[in-house]
């Protein structure tokens, strides 16, 4: 979806062989390979400590976190998770399934009609719902816990033959301290425990909870900051602004006032539309706020519960043209999807909560 800094060669990192798949993969235009956040932290540290050979452009944005974006999630049967708040808290061990995920047929969908009419009113209602949603404050010593269902779609090449496949749906859990310096990742089929500790100062494309809490809650000021700090990234300023807001909403736990401002800011981005029906990674139907990236032909959809306007997840669908190796990604292919299944503030690393967001 977005331009990213040069990807590291697997040989450059000691954990790369364990974390990265061995099959050949080809990303559709504008998307990021789904790497591990531990490598992201190391890359960011290198970027902070390695001198550059040319002067930085005034006001240039820091590089986008290349591991925020996903490639695709394979849906399963629908389940009723929207809005339920439970109190159960559990501790999970480091053990997990770290075998390579099985690949199956690529996910496809019926491309929903996009309607520019009514999207501003829809975002106003979503913003109002977000403003009133209870979001607990994260204090020092606590952790922001995010649980999602994810998977990837990619072009797999075996013995010289290429085909489009999707990884099996799997669970990804992250814990991050409010200041962003401590964290942990457990991902089924990838790692049973990876440190996300980082000394990098949080910024817009790699935020912490504390960083988000300090962002302006005025939609105009917020959108101006986003455009300024992401200038030169992605396939265009509007596409990058929409992507950045989606990252902040779906890959973190923004305070209620910031979420409300982000939705109002999104309404000001040209090309934003409404899609009456979209499905998240676990099969929940909702209404979507979406935008087509004309460079890639892919449309990113933020999916919300039609009644409560709870943010359910996100997906990207190829709607125009083709992409990927040998143009295997055709219209109707779901290029990326994720579902948020739990989001909470917890008191310890590896502690989980059944509270949904």
Protein backbone atom coordinates (compact mmCIF):
# COMPACT_ATOMS: atom_id res chain seq x y z
CA UNK A 1 0.00 0.00 0.00
CA UNK A 2 2.83 2.31 0.75
CA UNK A 3 6.36 2.88 -0.32
CA UNK A 4 8.79 1.53 2.23
CA UNK A 5 12.51 1.84 2.89
CA UNK A 6 14.77 -0.73 1.32
CA UNK A 7 13.97 -4.14 2.70
CA UNK A 8 16.83 -5.99 4.47
CA UNK A 9 18.32 -9.03 2.84
CA UNK A 10 17.66 -12.09 5.04
CA UNK A 11 21.39 -12.69 5.50
CA UNK A 12 21.76 -9.31 7.18
CA UNK A 13 19.82 -10.37 10.29
CA UNK A 14 20.48 -13.38 12.51
CA UNK A 15 16.79 -14.18 13.03
CA UNK A 16 15.73 -13.74 9.43
CA UNK A 17 15.87 -17.39 8.39
CA UNK A 18 13.58 -18.35 11.23
CA UNK A 19 11.13 -15.51 10.76
CA UNK A 20 10.81 -15.23 7.00
CA UNK A 21 9.25 -17.86 4.71
CA UNK A 22 11.51 -19.71 2.33
CA UNK A 23 9.16 -19.71 -0.63
CA UNK A 24 9.48 -16.94 -3.18
CA UNK A 25 6.88 -14.20 -2.76
CA UNK A 26 5.89 -11.32 -4.95
CA UNK A 27 3.98 -8.41 -3.43
CA UNK A 28 1.29 -6.57 -5.37
CA UNK A 29 2.11 -2.96 -6.20
CA UNK A 30 2.17 -0.68 -3.20
CA UNK A 31 2.06 -3.40 -0.50
CA UNK A 32 4.58 -4.42 2.13
CA UNK A 33 5.95 -7.86 2.85
CA UNK A 34 4.68 -9.04 6.23
CA UNK A 35 7.92 -9.16 8.22
CA UNK A 36 8.47 -9.32 11.92
CA UNK A 37 8.46 -6.26 14.16
CA UNK A 38 11.64 -7.35 15.84
CA UNK A 39 13.45 -6.77 12.57
CA UNK A 40 11.61 -3.47 12.24
CA UNK A 41 13.06 -2.27 15.53
CA UNK A 42 16.57 -3.17 14.41
CA UNK A 43 16.13 -1.45 11.06
CA UNK A 44 14.84 1.69 12.76
CA UNK A 45 17.81 1.68 15.11
CA UNK A 46 20.14 1.44 12.11
CA UNK A 47 18.30 4.29 10.42
CA UNK A 48 18.72 6.40 13.52
CA UNK A 49 22.45 5.66 13.90
CA UNK A 50 23.68 5.35 10.30
CA UNK A 51 24.74 8.66 8.68
CA UNK A 52 23.24 9.43 5.30
CA UNK A 53 25.27 10.61 2.34
CA UNK A 54 22.90 13.35 1.29
CA UNK A 55 21.20 16.09 3.31
CA UNK A 56 17.67 15.39 4.45
CA UNK A 57 14.95 17.40 2.78
CA UNK A 58 13.45 19.94 5.14
CA UNK A 59 10.27 18.59 6.67
CA UNK A 60 10.80 15.13 5.20
CA UNK A 61 8.94 12.33 6.92
CA UNK A 62 10.70 9.53 8.72
CA UNK A 63 10.39 6.20 6.91
CA UNK A 64 7.14 4.30 7.35
CA UNK A 65 7.27 1.28 9.59
CA UNK A 66 7.57 -1.38 6.87
CA UNK A 67 5.95 -4.05 9.04
CA UNK A 68 2.68 -2.35 9.95
CA UNK A 69 0.92 -3.36 6.80
CA UNK A 70 -0.26 -6.85 6.08
CA UNK A 71 -0.81 -8.69 2.85
CA UNK A 72 -4.04 -10.63 3.48
CA UNK A 73 -6.11 -12.58 5.98
CA UNK A 74 -8.20 -15.62 5.10
CA UNK A 75 -11.69 -15.41 6.67
CA UNK A 76 -13.44 -18.13 8.62
CA UNK A 77 -17.05 -18.59 9.73
CA UNK A 78 -18.66 -15.47 11.18
CA UNK A 79 -18.55 -15.04 14.93
CA UNK A 80 -20.32 -12.63 17.25
CA UNK A 81 -17.52 -10.52 18.73
CA UNK A 82 -18.69 -6.99 18.03
CA UNK A 83 -18.77 -4.82 21.12
CA UNK A 84 -18.78 -7.54 23.78
CA UNK A 85 -16.83 -6.59 26.90
CA UNK A 86 -15.74 -9.37 29.22
CA UNK A 87 -13.58 -9.32 32.31
CA UNK A 88 -11.59 -12.53 31.95
CA UNK A 89 -7.82 -12.13 32.08
CA UNK A 90 -5.40 -14.97 31.42
CA UNK A 91 -1.67 -15.55 31.22
CA UNK A 92 -0.26 -17.33 28.17
CA UNK A 93 3.02 -19.16 27.86
CA UNK A 94 5.71 -18.63 25.25
CA UNK A 95 5.00 -21.98 23.64
CA UNK A 96 3.09 -21.92 20.38
CA UNK A 97 2.86 -23.27 16.89
CA UNK A 98 5.85 -21.95 14.98
CA UNK A 99 5.48 -24.23 12.00
CA UNK A 100 5.04 -22.72 8.57
CA UNK A 101 1.42 -21.84 7.95
CA UNK A 102 -0.41 -23.93 5.41
CA UNK A 103 -1.26 -22.14 2.17
CA UNK A 104 -4.58 -22.48 0.39
CA UNK A 105 -6.52 -20.86 -2.42
CA UNK A 106 -6.39 -17.08 -2.57
CA UNK A 107 -9.32 -15.25 -1.07
CA UNK A 108 -11.73 -13.50 -3.41
CA UNK A 109 -14.82 -11.38 -2.88
CA UNK A 110 -17.57 -9.60 -4.73
CA UNK A 111 -16.41 -6.02 -5.16
CA UNK A 112 -18.91 -3.78 -3.40
CA UNK A 113 -20.16 -0.60 -5.03
CA UNK A 114 -18.45 2.58 -3.85
CA UNK A 115 -20.63 5.60 -3.10
CA UNK A 116 -19.12 9.04 -2.40
CA UNK A 117 -22.49 10.25 -1.13
CA UNK A 118 -23.06 10.00 2.59
CA UNK A 119 -19.49 9.16 3.59
CA UNK A 120 -19.06 12.42 5.51
CA UNK A 121 -22.24 11.76 7.47
CA UNK A 122 -21.11 8.18 8.13
CA UNK A 123 -17.74 9.33 9.43
CA UNK A 124 -19.46 11.90 11.63
CA UNK A 125 -21.52 9.11 13.22
CA UNK A 126 -18.45 6.90 13.59
CA UNK A 127 -16.56 9.81 15.16
CA UNK A 128 -19.39 10.46 17.62
CA UNK A 129 -19.46 6.78 18.60
CA UNK A 130 -15.69 6.76 19.08
CA UNK A 131 -15.86 9.90 21.22
CA UNK A 132 -18.20 8.13 23.64
CA UNK A 133 -16.40 4.79 23.69
CA UNK A 134 -14.61 3.94 26.95
CA UNK A 135 -10.87 3.69 26.33
CA UNK A 136 -8.80 2.96 29.46
CA UNK A 137 -5.69 5.00 30.10
CA UNK A 138 -2.36 3.20 29.88
CA UNK A 139 0.02 3.98 32.73
CA UNK A 140 3.71 3.27 33.20
CA UNK A 141 4.24 -0.42 33.94
CA UNK A 142 1.19 -1.45 31.91
CA UNK A 143 0.99 -2.66 28.32
CA UNK A 144 -1.23 -2.07 25.32
CA UNK A 145 -2.45 -5.50 24.22
CA UNK A 146 -3.62 -6.04 20.64
CA UNK A 147 -4.92 -9.34 19.29
CA UNK A 148 -5.78 -9.76 15.62
CA UNK A 149 -6.59 -12.52 13.19
CA UNK A 150 -4.32 -12.23 10.17
CA UNK A 151 -3.04 -14.05 7.10
CA UNK A 152 -1.17 -13.24 3.90
CA UNK A 153 -1.84 -13.58 0.19
CA UNK A 154 1.18 -13.80 -2.06
CA UNK A 155 2.52 -15.20 -5.29
CA UNK A 156 4.26 -18.47 -4.49
CA UNK A 157 6.83 -19.86 -6.91
CA UNK A 158 7.71 -23.56 -6.65
CA UNK A 159 9.86 -25.29 -9.25
CA UNK A 160 9.46 -22.31 -11.56
CA UNK A 161 5.65 -22.33 -11.38
CA UNK A 162 3.84 -19.36 -9.83
CA UNK A 163 0.43 -19.37 -8.18
CA UNK A 164 -1.55 -17.04 -5.94
CA UNK A 165 -2.13 -18.46 -2.45
CA UNK A 166 -3.25 -17.33 1.01
CA UNK A 167 -1.82 -18.34 4.35
CA UNK A 168 -4.18 -19.89 6.86
CA UNK A 169 -5.92 -17.52 9.23
CA UNK A 170 -3.86 -17.20 12.39
CA UNK A 171 -3.62 -15.20 15.60
CA UNK A 172 -1.15 -12.40 16.21
CA UNK A 173 -0.67 -10.90 19.69
CA UNK A 174 1.44 -7.89 20.62
CA UNK A 175 2.20 -6.13 23.89
CA UNK A 176 3.75 -2.67 23.94
CA UNK A 177 4.60 -0.36 26.83
CA UNK A 178 3.01 3.12 26.73
CA UNK A 179 6.36 4.70 25.83
CA UNK A 180 6.92 2.16 23.05
CA UNK A 181 10.29 0.95 24.30
CA UNK A 182 9.25 -2.49 25.58
CA UNK A 183 7.16 -5.07 23.78
CA UNK A 184 6.55 -8.68 22.89
CA UNK A 185 5.15 -10.53 19.88
CA UNK A 186 3.58 -13.98 19.67
CA UNK A 187 2.34 -15.10 16.28
CA UNK A 188 0.98 -18.51 15.42
CA UNK A 189 3.02 -20.11 12.68
CA UNK A 190 5.81 -17.54 12.95
CA UNK A 191 7.15 -17.08 16.48
CA UNK A 192 6.27 -18.22 19.99
CA UNK A 193 7.95 -15.18 21.48
CA UNK A 194 9.89 -12.27 19.99
CA UNK A 195 11.04 -9.13 21.80
CA UNK A 196 9.80 -5.83 20.44
CA UNK A 197 12.07 -3.78 22.70
CA UNK A 198 13.31 -0.67 20.93
CA UNK A 199 15.21 2.51 21.76
CA UNK A 200 13.75 4.33 18.76
CA UNK A 201 11.79 7.47 19.59
CA UNK A 202 8.15 6.92 18.49
CA UNK A 203 6.88 8.91 15.52
CA UNK A 204 3.81 9.09 13.31
CA UNK A 205 4.42 5.89 11.34
CA UNK A 206 5.69 3.96 14.36
CA UNK A 207 3.72 5.43 17.28
CA UNK A 208 3.44 4.51 20.93
CA UNK A 209 0.44 5.02 23.19
CA UNK A 210 2.07 8.07 24.78
CA UNK A 211 2.84 9.51 21.35
CA UNK A 212 -0.78 9.08 20.26
CA UNK A 213 -2.07 10.71 23.44
CA UNK A 214 0.01 13.82 22.64
CA UNK A 215 -1.28 14.25 19.07
CA UNK A 216 -3.64 17.17 18.38
CA UNK A 217 -7.33 16.36 18.71
CA UNK A 218 -8.32 19.06 16.24
CA UNK A 219 -9.05 17.33 12.89
CA UNK A 220 -7.57 20.12 10.75
CA UNK A 221 -4.35 20.34 12.76
CA UNK A 222 -4.09 16.55 12.84
CA UNK A 223 -4.56 16.19 9.09
CA UNK A 224 -2.02 18.94 8.40
CA UNK A 225 0.53 17.11 10.56
CA UNK A 226 -0.15 13.84 8.72
CA UNK A 227 0.27 15.42 5.28
CA UNK A 228 3.45 17.21 6.36
CA UNK A 229 5.17 14.26 7.98
CA UNK A 230 4.28 11.73 5.26
CA UNK A 231 5.19 13.98 2.32
CA UNK A 232 6.92 12.05 -0.44
CA UNK A 233 5.72 8.65 0.74
CA UNK A 234 3.34 6.24 -0.95
CA UNK A 235 1.63 6.77 -4.28
CA UNK A 236 0.46 10.27 -3.41
CA UNK A 237 -0.28 12.54 -0.45
CA UNK A 238 -3.98 11.65 -0.21
CA UNK A 239 -3.36 7.91 -0.45
CA UNK A 240 -0.61 8.11 2.17
CA UNK A 241 -2.75 10.20 4.53
CA UNK A 242 -5.57 7.65 4.33
CA UNK A 243 -3.13 4.79 4.91
CA UNK A 244 -1.53 6.53 7.87
CA UNK A 245 -4.88 7.12 9.56
CA UNK A 246 -5.79 3.48 8.97
CA UNK A 247 -2.53 2.39 10.59
CA UNK A 248 -3.16 4.55 13.64
CA UNK A 249 -6.69 3.20 14.03
CA UNK A 250 -6.01 -0.47 13.42
CA UNK A 251 -2.47 -1.09 14.66
CA UNK A 252 -2.64 0.68 18.02
CA UNK A 253 -5.09 1.73 20.74
CA UNK A 254 -5.73 5.47 20.26
CA UNK A 255 -7.43 7.52 22.98
CA UNK A 256 -11.12 8.14 22.25
CA UNK A 257 -10.60 11.83 21.46
CA UNK A 258 -7.88 11.01 18.94
CA UNK A 259 -9.96 8.30 17.24
CA UNK A 260 -12.81 10.76 16.87
CA UNK A 261 -10.46 13.36 15.36
CA UNK A 262 -8.92 10.79 12.98
CA UNK A 263 -12.34 9.92 11.56
CA UNK A 264 -13.18 13.58 11.05
CA UNK A 265 -9.81 14.12 9.41
CA UNK A 266 -10.39 11.15 7.08
CA UNK A 267 -13.60 12.78 5.86
CA UNK A 268 -11.51 15.66 4.51
CA UNK A 269 -9.30 13.43 2.30
CA UNK A 270 -10.31 13.49 -1.39
CA UNK A 271 -11.54 10.20 -2.80
CA UNK A 272 -12.94 8.70 0.40
CA UNK A 273 -16.15 6.73 -0.24
CA UNK A 274 -18.68 4.50 1.51
CA UNK A 275 -19.15 0.78 0.78
CA UNK A 276 -22.41 -0.59 2.18
CA UNK A 277 -21.17 -4.12 2.81
CA UNK A 278 -17.68 -5.45 3.55
CA UNK A 279 -16.46 -8.49 5.49
CA UNK A 280 -13.57 -8.63 7.93
CA UNK A 281 -11.14 -11.52 8.45
CA UNK A 282 -13.41 -13.47 10.79
CA UNK A 283 -16.53 -13.07 8.67
CA UNK A 284 -18.19 -10.10 10.36
CA UNK A 285 -20.18 -7.96 7.93
CA UNK A 286 -20.13 -4.20 8.28
CA UNK A 287 -20.21 -0.87 6.51
CA UNK A 288 -16.90 0.40 5.16
CA UNK A 289 -15.13 3.70 4.72
CA UNK A 290 -12.82 3.19 1.76
CA UNK A 291 -10.46 4.78 -0.71
CA UNK A 292 -9.14 3.55 -4.08
CA UNK A 293 -5.42 3.85 -4.77
CA UNK A 294 -5.45 4.45 -8.52
CA UNK A 295 -1.76 3.58 -8.82
CA UNK A 296 -2.24 0.00 -7.62
CA UNK A 297 -5.94 -0.41 -8.43
CA UNK A 298 -6.51 -1.52 -4.84
CA UNK A 299 -9.18 -0.22 -2.48
CA UNK A 300 -8.58 -0.14 1.26
CA UNK A 301 -11.71 -0.60 3.37
CA UNK A 302 -12.07 0.21 7.08
CA UNK A 303 -14.90 -1.99 8.32
CA UNK A 304 -17.31 -0.92 11.07
CA UNK A 305 -20.22 -2.60 12.83
CA UNK A 306 -23.39 -1.25 11.22
CA UNK A 307 -25.10 -0.63 14.57
CA UNK A 308 -22.42 0.32 17.10
CA UNK A 309 -19.87 1.67 14.56
CA UNK A 310 -17.15 -0.27 16.36
CA UNK A 311 -14.00 -0.60 14.25
CA UNK A 312 -13.88 -4.29 13.28
CA UNK A 313 -10.91 -4.47 10.97
CA UNK A 314 -9.55 -3.62 7.56
CA UNK A 315 -9.08 -5.18 4.18
CA UNK A 316 -7.69 -4.22 0.78
CA UNK A 317 -9.30 -5.49 -2.42
CA UNK A 318 -7.99 -5.37 -5.97
CA UNK A 319 -10.79 -3.58 -7.81
CA UNK A 320 -9.14 -2.25 -10.97
CA UNK A 321 -6.51 -3.78 -13.23
CA UNK A 322 -4.09 -6.49 -12.11
CA UNK A 323 -0.94 -6.62 -10.01
CA UNK A 324 1.65 -9.05 -8.75
CA UNK A 325 3.95 -11.37 -10.65
CA UNK A 326 2.44 -12.35 -14.01
CA UNK A 327 -0.60 -10.19 -13.11
CA UNK A 328 -1.95 -13.01 -10.94
CA UNK A 329 -3.74 -10.61 -8.59
CA UNK A 330 -6.97 -9.81 -10.42
CA UNK A 331 -10.07 -7.76 -9.55
CA UNK A 332 -11.95 -9.36 -6.70
CA UNK A 333 -8.81 -10.63 -4.97
CA UNK A 334 -8.64 -9.68 -1.30
CA UNK A 335 -5.08 -8.44 -1.05
CA UNK A 336 -5.06 -7.79 2.70
CA UNK A 337 -7.42 -8.20 5.61
CA UNK A 338 -7.32 -8.28 9.38
CA UNK A 339 -9.82 -8.46 12.21
CA UNK A 340 -9.33 -6.97 15.66
CA UNK A 341 -10.46 -9.56 18.19
CA UNK A 342 -9.19 -7.97 21.40
CA UNK A 343 -7.66 -4.66 22.41
CA UNK A 344 -7.03 -3.71 26.01
CA UNK A 345 -4.69 -2.29 28.63
CA UNK A 346 -3.15 -5.08 30.72
CA UNK A 347 -0.87 -5.09 33.73
CA UNK A 348 1.82 -7.47 32.52
CA UNK A 349 3.67 -8.70 29.47
CA UNK A 350 2.02 -11.81 27.95
CA UNK A 351 -1.18 -11.14 29.91
CA UNK A 352 -4.26 -11.30 27.70
CA UNK A 353 -7.72 -9.86 28.03
CA UNK A 354 -10.98 -10.93 26.40
CA UNK A 355 -12.09 -7.31 26.12
CA UNK A 356 -12.87 -6.48 22.49
CA UNK A 357 -12.45 -3.07 20.95
